[in-house]
Amino acid sequence: MGHQHEHDHTGQNLKIAFLLNLGFTILELFGGVYVNSVAIISDVIHDLGDSLSLGNAWYLEKNRSKLQMLNSHLDMLDSRF
């Protein structure tokens, strides 16, 4: 009879997605400037927004336990007043 346990790879997946997206964004920026394409450079801005969202999600996932603890402390303070 085996035991079950779960591995949460969400943070690692977000990290990989963030780094790949950011790397592609940087390469695309150099390519857009090299060929002088406004369309490619505007896509870089879009991709940068995606990278920022992924980076934010990775940061929040990485610090989830700290944020939950802070939230519980704030709830305690809120209940006192």
N, C-alpha and C. Protein backbone atom coordinates (compact mmCIF):
# COMPACT_ATOMS: atom_id res chain seq x y z
N MET A 1 0.85 -1.16 0.00
CA MET A 1 0.00 0.00 0.00
C MET A 1 0.91 1.24 0.00
N GLY A 2 0.83 2.02 -1.08
CA GLY A 2 1.66 3.20 -1.21
C GLY A 2 1.01 4.43 -0.60
N HIS A 3 1.78 5.43 -0.49
CA HIS A 3 1.26 6.69 0.02
C HIS A 3 1.19 7.71 -1.11
N GLN A 4 0.34 8.67 -0.91
CA GLN A 4 0.18 9.70 -1.93
C GLN A 4 0.69 11.03 -1.40
N HIS A 5 1.34 11.73 -2.25
CA HIS A 5 1.73 13.09 -1.93
C HIS A 5 1.79 13.88 -3.22
N GLU A 6 1.52 15.15 -3.10
CA GLU A 6 1.49 16.01 -4.27
C GLU A 6 2.71 16.91 -4.30
N HIS A 7 3.14 17.16 -5.48
CA HIS A 7 4.23 18.10 -5.69
C HIS A 7 3.67 19.29 -6.44
N ASP A 8 3.81 20.47 -5.87
CA ASP A 8 3.31 21.67 -6.51
C ASP A 8 4.44 22.30 -7.32
N HIS A 9 4.32 22.21 -8.63
CA HIS A 9 5.34 22.74 -9.52
C HIS A 9 4.92 24.09 -10.12
N THR A 10 3.91 24.71 -9.55
CA THR A 10 3.39 25.95 -10.11
C THR A 10 4.47 27.03 -10.17
N GLY A 11 5.19 27.22 -9.08
CA GLY A 11 6.23 28.24 -9.04
C GLY A 11 7.32 27.99 -10.06
N GLN A 12 7.72 26.75 -10.21
CA GLN A 12 8.76 26.40 -11.19
C GLN A 12 8.26 26.63 -12.62
N ASN A 13 7.00 26.27 -12.88
CA ASN A 13 6.43 26.47 -14.21
C ASN A 13 6.32 27.96 -14.53
N LEU A 14 5.91 28.76 -13.55
CA LEU A 14 5.83 30.21 -13.77
C LEU A 14 7.20 30.81 -14.02
N LYS A 15 8.20 30.32 -13.30
CA LYS A 15 9.57 30.81 -13.48
C LYS A 15 10.05 30.53 -14.90
N ILE A 16 9.83 29.31 -15.37
CA ILE A 16 10.26 28.94 -16.72
C ILE A 16 9.53 29.76 -17.77
N ALA A 17 8.21 29.90 -17.60
CA ALA A 17 7.41 30.68 -18.55
C ALA A 17 7.87 32.14 -18.57
N PHE A 18 8.13 32.70 -17.38
CA PHE A 18 8.59 34.10 -17.29
C PHE A 18 9.93 34.27 -18.00
N LEU A 19 10.89 33.40 -17.70
CA LEU A 19 12.22 33.55 -18.28
C LEU A 19 12.22 33.34 -19.79
N LEU A 20 11.45 32.35 -20.27
CA LEU A 20 11.35 32.14 -21.71
C LEU A 20 10.70 33.33 -22.41
N ASN A 21 9.62 33.82 -21.83
CA ASN A 21 8.92 34.95 -22.44
C ASN A 21 9.80 36.20 -22.44
N LEU A 22 10.49 36.45 -21.33
CA LEU A 22 11.36 37.61 -21.25
C LEU A 22 12.52 37.50 -22.24
N GLY A 23 13.10 36.31 -22.34
CA GLY A 23 14.18 36.09 -23.30
C GLY A 23 13.73 36.31 -24.73
N PHE A 24 12.55 35.79 -25.07
CA PHE A 24 12.02 35.99 -26.41
C PHE A 24 11.74 37.48 -26.66
N THR A 25 11.25 38.17 -25.65
CA THR A 25 10.95 39.59 -25.77
C THR A 25 12.22 40.38 -26.08
N ILE A 26 13.30 40.06 -25.39
CA ILE A 26 14.57 40.76 -25.62
C ILE A 26 15.09 40.49 -27.03
N LEU A 27 15.04 39.21 -27.44
CA LEU A 27 15.48 38.87 -28.81
C LEU A 27 14.62 39.56 -29.85
N GLU A 28 13.32 39.61 -29.60
CA GLU A 28 12.40 40.24 -30.54
C GLU A 28 12.66 41.75 -30.63
N LEU A 29 13.02 42.35 -29.50
CA LEU A 29 13.34 43.78 -29.51
C LEU A 29 14.55 44.06 -30.40
N PHE A 30 15.60 43.27 -30.24
CA PHE A 30 16.78 43.46 -31.09
C PHE A 30 16.44 43.23 -32.56
N GLY A 31 15.63 42.21 -32.83
CA GLY A 31 15.23 41.95 -34.22
C GLY A 31 14.39 43.07 -34.79
N GLY A 32 13.47 43.60 -34.00
CA GLY A 32 12.62 44.69 -34.47
C GLY A 32 13.40 45.96 -34.75
N VAL A 33 14.37 46.25 -33.88
CA VAL A 33 15.21 47.43 -34.10
C VAL A 33 16.11 47.20 -35.33
N TYR A 34 16.63 46.00 -35.46
CA TYR A 34 17.53 45.68 -36.58
C TYR A 34 16.84 45.85 -37.93
N VAL A 35 15.59 45.37 -38.04
CA VAL A 35 14.87 45.47 -39.32
C VAL A 35 14.01 46.72 -39.38
N ASN A 36 14.06 47.55 -38.32
CA ASN A 36 13.33 48.81 -38.28
C ASN A 36 11.82 48.60 -38.49
N SER A 37 11.25 47.65 -37.72
CA SER A 37 9.84 47.32 -37.87
C SER A 37 9.05 47.80 -36.65
N VAL A 38 8.12 48.72 -36.90
CA VAL A 38 7.27 49.22 -35.83
C VAL A 38 6.33 48.12 -35.35
N ALA A 39 5.89 47.25 -36.25
CA ALA A 39 4.98 46.16 -35.88
C ALA A 39 5.65 45.20 -34.90
N ILE A 40 6.90 44.85 -35.15
CA ILE A 40 7.61 43.95 -34.24
C ILE A 40 7.88 44.63 -32.91
N ILE A 41 8.24 45.90 -32.94
CA ILE A 41 8.51 46.62 -31.70
C ILE A 41 7.23 46.77 -30.88
N SER A 42 6.09 46.98 -31.54
CA SER A 42 4.83 47.06 -30.79
C SER A 42 4.47 45.70 -30.18
N ASP A 43 4.83 44.62 -30.87
CA ASP A 43 4.61 43.29 -30.30
C ASP A 43 5.52 43.07 -29.09
N VAL A 44 6.70 43.67 -29.12
CA VAL A 44 7.62 43.60 -27.97
C VAL A 44 6.96 44.22 -26.74
N ILE A 45 6.28 45.34 -26.93
CA ILE A 45 5.60 45.99 -25.81
C ILE A 45 4.51 45.07 -25.26
N HIS A 46 3.78 44.42 -26.15
CA HIS A 46 2.75 43.47 -25.73
C HIS A 46 3.38 42.31 -24.96
N ASP A 47 4.46 41.75 -25.50
CA ASP A 47 5.15 40.63 -24.85
C ASP A 47 5.75 41.04 -23.51
N LEU A 48 6.20 42.28 -23.40
CA LEU A 48 6.75 42.77 -22.14
C LEU A 48 5.66 42.80 -21.07
N GLY A 49 4.45 43.18 -21.46
CA GLY A 49 3.31 43.14 -20.54
C GLY A 49 3.03 41.73 -20.07
N ASP A 50 3.11 40.77 -20.99
CA ASP A 50 2.93 39.36 -20.62
C ASP A 50 4.02 38.92 -19.64
N SER A 51 5.25 39.34 -19.91
CA SER A 51 6.36 38.98 -19.03
C SER A 51 6.17 39.56 -17.64
N LEU A 52 5.72 40.81 -17.57
CA LEU A 52 5.48 41.42 -16.26
C LEU A 52 4.38 40.68 -15.49
N SER A 53 3.35 40.25 -16.20
CA SER A 53 2.27 39.50 -15.54
C SER A 53 2.77 38.15 -15.03
N LEU A 54 3.56 37.47 -15.84
CA LEU A 54 4.11 36.19 -15.41
C LEU A 54 5.08 36.37 -14.24
N GLY A 55 5.90 37.41 -14.30
CA GLY A 55 6.83 37.69 -13.21
C GLY A 55 6.10 38.02 -11.92
N ASN A 56 5.02 38.77 -12.02
CA ASN A 56 4.21 39.09 -10.85
C ASN A 56 3.57 37.83 -10.27
N ALA A 57 3.04 36.98 -11.12
CA ALA A 57 2.43 35.73 -10.66
C ALA A 57 3.48 34.83 -9.99
N TRP A 58 4.67 34.77 -10.56
CA TRP A 58 5.75 33.97 -9.98
C TRP A 58 6.13 34.51 -8.61
N TYR A 59 6.28 35.83 -8.49
CA TYR A 59 6.62 36.45 -7.22
C TYR A 59 5.56 36.16 -6.16
N LEU A 60 4.29 36.33 -6.53
CA LEU A 60 3.22 36.11 -5.56
C LEU A 60 3.12 34.64 -5.16
N GLU A 61 3.33 33.73 -6.10
CA GLU A 61 3.30 32.30 -5.78
C GLU A 61 4.46 31.94 -4.86
N LYS A 62 5.62 32.54 -5.12
CA LYS A 62 6.81 32.26 -4.31
C LYS A 62 6.64 32.76 -2.88
N ASN A 63 5.92 33.86 -2.70
CA ASN A 63 5.74 34.47 -1.38
C ASN A 63 4.34 34.26 -0.82
N ARG A 64 3.65 33.24 -1.31
CA ARG A 64 2.26 33.00 -0.93
C ARG A 64 2.11 32.80 0.58
N SER A 65 2.97 32.02 1.20
CA SER A 65 2.83 31.74 2.64
C SER A 65 3.03 33.01 3.46
N LYS A 66 3.99 33.85 3.06
CA LYS A 66 4.20 35.11 3.77
C LYS A 66 2.98 36.02 3.62
N LEU A 67 2.41 36.05 2.42
CA LEU A 67 1.26 36.90 2.18
C LEU A 67 0.03 36.39 2.94
N GLN A 68 -0.11 35.06 3.04
CA GLN A 68 -1.23 34.50 3.80
C GLN A 68 -1.09 34.82 5.28
N MET A 69 0.14 34.76 5.80
CA MET A 69 0.37 35.08 7.20
C MET A 69 0.07 36.56 7.46
N LEU A 70 0.52 37.44 6.56
CA LEU A 70 0.24 38.86 6.70
C LEU A 70 -1.27 39.12 6.65
N ASN A 71 -1.95 38.43 5.76
CA ASN A 71 -3.40 38.58 5.65
C ASN A 71 -4.11 38.14 6.93
N SER A 72 -3.65 37.06 7.54
CA SER A 72 -4.28 36.59 8.77
C SER A 72 -4.04 37.58 9.91
N HIS A 73 -2.85 38.19 9.96
CA HIS A 73 -2.56 39.20 10.98
C HIS A 73 -3.44 40.44 10.77
N LEU A 74 -3.61 40.82 9.52
CA LEU A 74 -4.48 41.97 9.24
C LEU A 74 -5.93 41.68 9.60
N ASP A 75 -6.37 40.44 9.37
CA ASP A 75 -7.73 40.04 9.75
C ASP A 75 -7.91 40.12 11.26
N MET A 76 -6.89 39.69 12.02
CA MET A 76 -6.97 39.77 13.48
C MET A 76 -7.07 41.21 13.93
N LEU A 77 -6.26 42.08 13.33
CA LEU A 77 -6.33 43.49 13.70
C LEU A 77 -7.67 44.09 13.32
N ASP A 78 -8.19 43.70 12.19
CA ASP A 78 -9.48 44.21 11.73
C ASP A 78 -10.60 43.79 12.65
N SER A 79 -10.52 42.59 13.18
CA SER A 79 -11.58 42.08 14.06
C SER A 79 -11.57 42.77 15.42
N ARG A 80 -10.45 43.36 15.80
CA ARG A 80 -10.36 44.07 17.08
C ARG A 80 -11.01 45.44 17.04
N PHE A 81 -11.16 45.99 15.85
CA PHE A 81 -11.70 47.35 15.73
C PHE A 81 -13.05 47.35 15.11
